[in-house]
Amino acid sequence: MNIAKQKLAGIPLPELYSRAKTQGLRYPIGPFNIHLNSNIPNYIEIFAKLYAFLPLAVEPCVADFHLKINKKKGLRSFWRRQAVFSIDSVVPFEPYPYTHAFPLAEWGLNWCIGMSSHQYVILHSAVLEYKGIGVIFPAMPGSGKSTLCSALMLRGWRLLSDEFGLIETVTGHLIPIPRAIPLKNDSIDIISNFSENAIMGPVFTGTRKGDVAHLAPTQTCFERQDVAVKPGLVIFPQYHKSSQCQLLKEDKSTAFTRITKNSFNYHLSQKTGFRVLSKLIQNCDCYSAQYNGLNDIVDILMHLVDEKHRQTSTQKIETK
């Protein structure tokens, strides 16, 4: 994709909205090319804030997903405004409240990626990189994954994804797809207070996941979104309000079972999925992490990756 040097933040908001409404916005999110149309000004305003460092395409090109976030038409729209998400003119979801266009679009793109990207083995996990080490955080909803992921990004880690661990099946590398991180309920204030550098979108109240606000990825996440990373650590996080902060070594057979249960398409990928995830667990150090606050667990994880980086650097020197 031919990418403009000018980032999305360099385009005046009226011009951006005009383009979104007419020819649309074309941009890459990791390996995917997106073509987005929208006639909802508030949606474009939030999009511009949270994806400020996103590069736009110079000219039309082949898109993986043609998305539209538009006002719902019809007589009903006069007394109850709604937003509609569509892909290739197909509407897979019921309309959302007009003011909730942004979370609808984010969840809609998640659905598109999860349903169609079976060239990768897909994990339900956060993925970050620090000092060249790829760290996978597979977790079920309610584990505190997004909160921990946000804190690490704000401490200098590179976000590859908060939602999807895309594993390239030949190399085993992790493919970045940096997106705004959806924070729910108490996590919104926790992250807002964790760092003054947190760029947050508005709070959307009463969604199907409660109150939701989105955290913008850092500039580095977009500048290096075409740089895959080799995985080195697999950490299963779990927030417990009453537990002590601790990091425990995970048995590899147990880790393999757990990670297959956190895969969106392991049952579809069959032999490929077994091979890829077996190799992943074999080549990574595996841990479970329990925590009741961010500062302690972030310090522990940074120390862990520092040690892993030193070991990796020493091994490279010894093999020369």
Foldseek 3Di string as FASTA:
>chain_A
DAWDPQFLLNDDLVVQLVCLAPVAWWFDQFPFIEGHHENQSVLSVLVCQQRVLTITHPDDDDGPWYKYWYWDDDPVCVPFIWIFIDTPNHGPDDTHGSVCSNVVVVVVVVVVCLVPVVLWFKFQWWWWDDLQAIETAGEDPQFCQLLLSLLLQLVPIATQDSTIFTARLPPRWTARRDDWGKDADPSVVQSVVSDVPWRKDDWDADDPRGIIITTHGDNVNNVCNNPIGHHAEYEHGGEDQPDAWDKAFDDLVVVLVVRCVRISCLVPCDPSSVVSSNVNSVRYGYIYTYHNGRPVNSVVVVVVVVVVSVVVVVVVVVVD
